[in-house]
């Protein structure tokens, strides 16, 4: 699903990763992190896809909100598990979104 973000400016945290073969409840932990992020002040939305290369983009109101999320206790534990078990490599990028635009195909109803 495409995140419904506000009018820019806002921030995007782009997390690109390559998984290991370790499972260790990865899906359960990823779901928990998404649920926790939604409760964080300044959280705006998330988009994620994985097919070999994983890309998760979370959207935030400001840099302070991102900093607080990075330091959230359960998130810190998940980060350590990621380094130890889940990822062979990853990269995090933080970007300022200055402009966005949308396209949506209109629904055509057949008679």
N, C-alpha and C. Protein backbone atom coordinates (compact mmCIF):
# COMPACT_ATOMS: atom_id res chain seq x y z
N UNK A 1 0.84 -1.18 0.00
CA UNK A 1 0.00 0.00 0.00
C UNK A 1 0.89 1.25 0.00
N UNK A 2 0.50 2.26 -0.72
CA UNK A 2 1.25 3.52 -0.78
C UNK A 2 0.84 4.37 0.41
N UNK A 3 1.83 4.87 1.15
CA UNK A 3 1.57 5.69 2.33
C UNK A 3 0.90 7.00 1.93
N UNK A 4 -0.05 7.43 2.73
CA UNK A 4 -0.74 8.69 2.52
C UNK A 4 -0.01 9.77 3.32
N UNK A 5 0.96 10.40 2.71
CA UNK A 5 1.80 11.39 3.39
C UNK A 5 1.22 12.80 3.23
N UNK A 6 1.60 13.71 4.13
CA UNK A 6 1.10 15.08 4.05
C UNK A 6 1.82 15.87 2.96
N UNK A 7 1.42 17.10 2.80
CA UNK A 7 2.10 18.01 1.89
C UNK A 7 3.54 18.20 2.38
N UNK A 8 4.53 18.10 1.49
CA UNK A 8 5.93 18.30 1.90
C UNK A 8 6.15 19.70 2.44
N UNK A 9 7.21 19.88 3.21
CA UNK A 9 8.32 18.96 3.44
C UNK A 9 8.05 18.00 4.59
N UNK A 10 8.65 16.82 4.47
CA UNK A 10 8.70 15.80 5.53
C UNK A 10 9.92 14.95 5.22
N UNK A 11 10.22 13.99 6.06
CA UNK A 11 11.42 13.19 5.90
C UNK A 11 11.10 11.74 5.57
N UNK A 12 12.00 11.11 4.84
CA UNK A 12 11.90 9.69 4.51
C UNK A 12 13.15 8.99 5.03
N UNK A 13 12.95 7.89 5.75
CA UNK A 13 14.05 7.02 6.15
C UNK A 13 13.98 5.81 5.24
N UNK A 14 15.00 5.63 4.42
CA UNK A 14 15.03 4.56 3.43
C UNK A 14 15.99 3.48 3.95
N UNK A 15 15.43 2.33 4.25
CA UNK A 15 16.20 1.21 4.79
C UNK A 15 16.25 0.12 3.72
N UNK A 16 17.43 -0.11 3.16
CA UNK A 16 17.64 -1.10 2.12
C UNK A 16 18.45 -2.23 2.71
N UNK A 17 18.00 -3.49 2.51
CA UNK A 17 18.68 -4.59 3.18
C UNK A 17 18.72 -5.85 2.34
N UNK A 18 19.67 -6.70 2.71
CA UNK A 18 19.77 -8.05 2.17
C UNK A 18 19.71 -8.99 3.35
N UNK A 19 18.73 -9.90 3.32
CA UNK A 19 18.50 -10.83 4.43
C UNK A 19 19.49 -11.98 4.42
N UNK A 20 19.71 -12.53 5.60
CA UNK A 20 20.39 -13.81 5.73
C UNK A 20 19.32 -14.90 5.63
N UNK A 21 19.71 -16.14 5.83
CA UNK A 21 18.74 -17.24 5.83
C UNK A 21 18.12 -17.45 7.21
N UNK A 22 18.63 -16.75 8.22
CA UNK A 22 18.10 -16.86 9.59
C UNK A 22 16.66 -16.37 9.64
N UNK A 23 15.81 -17.09 10.36
CA UNK A 23 14.42 -16.65 10.51
C UNK A 23 14.21 -15.98 11.86
N UNK A 24 14.32 -16.76 12.94
CA UNK A 24 14.21 -16.26 14.31
C UNK A 24 13.07 -15.27 14.50
N UNK A 25 11.91 -15.60 13.97
CA UNK A 25 10.70 -14.77 14.10
C UNK A 25 10.83 -13.39 13.43
N UNK A 26 11.55 -13.35 12.31
CA UNK A 26 11.76 -12.07 11.61
C UNK A 26 10.44 -11.36 11.30
N UNK A 27 9.48 -12.08 10.70
CA UNK A 27 8.21 -11.46 10.31
C UNK A 27 7.48 -10.90 11.53
N UNK A 28 7.48 -11.64 12.61
CA UNK A 28 6.83 -11.20 13.84
C UNK A 28 7.48 -9.92 14.38
N UNK A 29 8.81 -9.89 14.36
CA UNK A 29 9.53 -8.71 14.86
C UNK A 29 9.32 -7.53 13.93
N UNK A 30 9.35 -7.75 12.62
CA UNK A 30 9.11 -6.67 11.65
C UNK A 30 7.72 -6.08 11.83
N UNK A 31 6.72 -6.94 12.04
CA UNK A 31 5.36 -6.47 12.27
C UNK A 31 5.29 -5.64 13.56
N UNK A 32 5.95 -6.11 14.61
CA UNK A 32 5.98 -5.39 15.89
C UNK A 32 6.63 -4.01 15.72
N UNK A 33 7.70 -3.93 14.94
CA UNK A 33 8.38 -2.65 14.73
C UNK A 33 7.46 -1.67 13.99
N UNK A 34 6.72 -2.19 13.02
CA UNK A 34 5.79 -1.33 12.29
C UNK A 34 4.69 -0.82 13.22
N UNK A 35 4.17 -1.70 14.07
CA UNK A 35 3.13 -1.29 15.03
C UNK A 35 3.67 -0.25 16.02
N UNK A 36 4.89 -0.45 16.49
CA UNK A 36 5.51 0.52 17.41
C UNK A 36 5.76 1.86 16.73
N UNK A 37 6.26 1.81 15.50
CA UNK A 37 6.55 3.05 14.77
C UNK A 37 5.28 3.89 14.61
N UNK A 38 4.16 3.23 14.34
CA UNK A 38 2.89 3.94 14.16
C UNK A 38 2.49 4.73 15.40
N UNK A 39 2.98 4.32 16.57
CA UNK A 39 2.64 4.99 17.83
C UNK A 39 3.61 6.13 18.17
N UNK A 40 4.68 6.26 17.39
CA UNK A 40 5.68 7.28 17.67
C UNK A 40 5.21 8.66 17.19
N UNK A 41 5.48 9.65 17.99
CA UNK A 41 5.17 11.02 17.60
C UNK A 41 5.95 11.37 16.33
N UNK A 42 5.27 11.95 15.37
CA UNK A 42 5.92 12.36 14.13
C UNK A 42 5.88 11.33 13.02
N UNK A 43 5.38 10.13 13.29
CA UNK A 43 5.28 9.08 12.28
C UNK A 43 4.20 9.44 11.27
N UNK A 44 4.50 9.24 9.97
CA UNK A 44 3.55 9.60 8.91
C UNK A 44 3.11 8.42 8.06
N UNK A 45 3.90 7.36 7.99
CA UNK A 45 3.52 6.22 7.17
C UNK A 45 4.71 5.35 6.83
N UNK A 46 4.42 4.23 6.15
CA UNK A 46 5.48 3.28 5.78
C UNK A 46 5.10 2.56 4.49
N UNK A 47 6.13 2.20 3.73
CA UNK A 47 5.99 1.38 2.53
C UNK A 47 7.14 0.38 2.55
N UNK A 48 6.85 -0.86 2.13
CA UNK A 48 7.88 -1.88 2.20
C UNK A 48 7.70 -2.90 1.08
N UNK A 49 8.82 -3.39 0.55
CA UNK A 49 8.80 -4.43 -0.48
C UNK A 49 10.06 -5.28 -0.32
N UNK A 50 9.91 -6.57 -0.60
CA UNK A 50 11.07 -7.46 -0.51
C UNK A 50 10.95 -8.53 -1.58
N UNK A 51 11.96 -8.59 -2.41
CA UNK A 51 12.15 -9.70 -3.33
C UNK A 51 13.64 -9.74 -3.60
N UNK A 52 14.34 -10.45 -2.74
CA UNK A 52 15.79 -10.41 -2.78
C UNK A 52 16.28 -9.21 -2.00
N UNK A 53 16.20 -8.05 -2.60
CA UNK A 53 16.56 -6.79 -1.95
C UNK A 53 15.33 -6.25 -1.24
N UNK A 54 15.48 -5.94 0.05
CA UNK A 54 14.37 -5.36 0.80
C UNK A 54 14.49 -3.85 0.87
N UNK A 55 13.38 -3.17 0.69
CA UNK A 55 13.36 -1.71 0.82
C UNK A 55 12.16 -1.34 1.68
N UNK A 56 12.43 -0.67 2.77
CA UNK A 56 11.38 -0.14 3.64
C UNK A 56 11.61 1.35 3.77
N UNK A 57 10.57 2.11 3.49
CA UNK A 57 10.65 3.56 3.61
C UNK A 57 9.63 3.99 4.65
N UNK A 58 10.11 4.64 5.69
CA UNK A 58 9.19 5.21 6.68
C UNK A 58 9.26 6.72 6.55
N UNK A 59 8.13 7.36 6.79
CA UNK A 59 8.00 8.81 6.62
C UNK A 59 7.77 9.46 7.97
N UNK A 60 8.44 10.60 8.17
CA UNK A 60 8.45 11.26 9.47
C UNK A 60 8.31 12.77 9.32
N UNK A 61 7.71 13.37 10.33
CA UNK A 61 7.47 14.82 10.36
C UNK A 61 8.78 15.61 10.40
N UNK A 62 9.74 15.14 11.20
CA UNK A 62 10.98 15.90 11.38
C UNK A 62 12.12 14.99 11.83
N UNK A 63 13.33 15.55 11.88
CA UNK A 63 14.51 14.78 12.26
C UNK A 63 14.46 14.35 13.72
N UNK A 64 13.86 15.13 14.58
CA UNK A 64 13.75 14.77 15.99
C UNK A 64 12.90 13.51 16.15
N UNK A 65 11.83 13.38 15.40
CA UNK A 65 10.99 12.18 15.45
C UNK A 65 11.78 10.95 15.01
N UNK A 66 12.60 11.09 13.99
CA UNK A 66 13.43 9.99 13.50
C UNK A 66 14.43 9.58 14.58
N UNK A 67 15.05 10.56 15.22
CA UNK A 67 16.02 10.29 16.27
C UNK A 67 15.38 9.53 17.42
N UNK A 68 14.20 9.95 17.83
CA UNK A 68 13.50 9.27 18.93
C UNK A 68 13.12 7.84 18.55
N UNK A 69 12.72 7.63 17.31
CA UNK A 69 12.40 6.28 16.86
C UNK A 69 13.64 5.40 16.87
N UNK A 70 14.76 5.92 16.39
CA UNK A 70 16.00 5.14 16.37
C UNK A 70 16.40 4.73 17.78
N UNK A 71 16.08 5.56 18.78
CA UNK A 71 16.48 5.30 20.16
C UNK A 71 15.41 4.58 20.98
N UNK A 72 14.28 4.23 20.38
CA UNK A 72 13.21 3.54 21.09
C UNK A 72 13.72 2.17 21.55
N UNK A 73 13.45 1.80 22.79
CA UNK A 73 14.04 0.62 23.41
C UNK A 73 13.86 -0.67 22.62
N UNK A 74 12.63 -1.02 22.26
CA UNK A 74 12.41 -2.26 21.51
C UNK A 74 13.04 -2.20 20.12
N UNK A 75 13.04 -1.01 19.54
CA UNK A 75 13.65 -0.83 18.23
C UNK A 75 15.17 -1.05 18.32
N UNK A 76 15.78 -0.58 19.40
CA UNK A 76 17.22 -0.81 19.60
C UNK A 76 17.52 -2.31 19.65
N UNK A 77 16.68 -3.07 20.36
CA UNK A 77 16.87 -4.52 20.44
C UNK A 77 16.71 -5.17 19.06
N UNK A 78 15.72 -4.73 18.30
CA UNK A 78 15.50 -5.26 16.95
C UNK A 78 16.69 -4.93 16.04
N UNK A 79 17.26 -3.74 16.21
CA UNK A 79 18.43 -3.36 15.41
C UNK A 79 19.59 -4.32 15.69
N UNK A 80 19.78 -4.65 16.96
CA UNK A 80 20.85 -5.59 17.32
C UNK A 80 20.59 -6.97 16.74
N UNK A 81 19.35 -7.43 16.79
CA UNK A 81 19.01 -8.72 16.19
C UNK A 81 19.25 -8.69 14.68
N UNK A 82 18.94 -7.56 14.06
CA UNK A 82 19.19 -7.41 12.63
C UNK A 82 20.65 -7.58 12.29
N UNK A 83 21.51 -6.95 13.06
CA UNK A 83 22.96 -7.05 12.82
C UNK A 83 23.46 -8.47 13.09
N UNK A 84 22.93 -9.08 14.13
CA UNK A 84 23.40 -10.41 14.55
C UNK A 84 22.86 -11.53 13.65
N UNK A 85 21.56 -11.45 13.28
CA UNK A 85 20.92 -12.58 12.63
C UNK A 85 20.29 -12.31 11.27
N UNK A 86 19.58 -11.20 11.11
CA UNK A 86 18.67 -11.04 9.98
C UNK A 86 19.30 -10.52 8.69
N UNK A 87 20.31 -9.67 8.78
CA UNK A 87 20.83 -9.00 7.59
C UNK A 87 22.29 -9.33 7.33
N UNK A 88 22.60 -9.59 6.07
CA UNK A 88 24.01 -9.72 5.69
C UNK A 88 24.57 -8.33 5.38
N UNK A 89 23.68 -7.42 4.99
CA UNK A 89 24.08 -6.01 4.83
C UNK A 89 22.83 -5.14 4.78
N UNK A 90 23.02 -3.88 5.16
CA UNK A 90 21.94 -2.91 5.03
C UNK A 90 22.51 -1.50 4.95
N UNK A 91 21.68 -0.60 4.47
CA UNK A 91 22.05 0.82 4.40
C UNK A 91 20.82 1.63 4.76
N UNK A 92 21.00 2.66 5.56
CA UNK A 92 19.92 3.56 5.93
C UNK A 92 20.24 4.95 5.38
N UNK A 93 19.25 5.53 4.73
CA UNK A 93 19.40 6.89 4.19
C UNK A 93 18.26 7.74 4.75
N UNK A 94 18.56 8.96 5.11
CA UNK A 94 17.53 9.89 5.58
C UNK A 94 17.49 11.04 4.60
N UNK A 95 16.30 11.27 4.05
CA UNK A 95 16.13 12.28 3.00
C UNK A 95 15.00 13.23 3.33
N UNK A 96 15.17 14.46 2.92
CA UNK A 96 14.11 15.46 3.02
C UNK A 96 13.27 15.39 1.75
N UNK A 97 11.98 15.13 1.89
CA UNK A 97 11.07 15.12 0.75
C UNK A 97 10.59 16.55 0.55
N UNK A 98 10.94 17.13 -0.56
CA UNK A 98 10.58 18.52 -0.84
C UNK A 98 9.38 18.62 -1.77
N UNK A 99 9.11 17.53 -2.48
CA UNK A 99 8.01 17.55 -3.44
C UNK A 99 7.52 16.12 -3.64
N UNK A 100 6.23 15.96 -3.77
CA UNK A 100 5.67 14.68 -4.17
C UNK A 100 4.44 14.92 -5.04
N UNK A 101 4.07 13.92 -5.80
CA UNK A 101 2.86 14.01 -6.60
C UNK A 101 2.30 12.61 -6.78
N UNK A 102 1.03 12.56 -7.14
CA UNK A 102 0.30 11.29 -7.14
C UNK A 102 -0.39 11.06 -8.47
N UNK A 103 -0.48 9.79 -8.84
CA UNK A 103 -1.31 9.36 -9.96
C UNK A 103 -2.19 8.24 -9.45
N UNK A 104 -3.46 8.28 -9.76
CA UNK A 104 -4.38 7.20 -9.45
C UNK A 104 -5.31 7.00 -10.64
N UNK A 105 -5.32 5.79 -11.14
CA UNK A 105 -6.21 5.45 -12.27
C UNK A 105 -7.65 5.48 -11.76
N UNK A 106 -8.49 6.13 -12.49
CA UNK A 106 -9.91 6.21 -12.12
C UNK A 106 -10.57 4.87 -12.38
N UNK A 107 -11.46 4.48 -11.50
CA UNK A 107 -12.21 3.23 -11.65
C UNK A 107 -13.26 3.41 -12.75
N UNK A 108 -13.31 2.46 -13.68
CA UNK A 108 -14.33 2.46 -14.72
C UNK A 108 -15.27 1.30 -14.41
N UNK A 109 -16.54 1.62 -14.27
CA UNK A 109 -17.53 0.58 -13.96
C UNK A 109 -18.19 0.10 -15.24
N UNK A 110 -18.11 -1.19 -15.48
CA UNK A 110 -18.75 -1.79 -16.66
C UNK A 110 -20.26 -1.96 -16.39
N UNK A 111 -21.05 -1.81 -17.44
CA UNK A 111 -22.50 -2.00 -17.31
C UNK A 111 -22.92 -3.31 -17.86
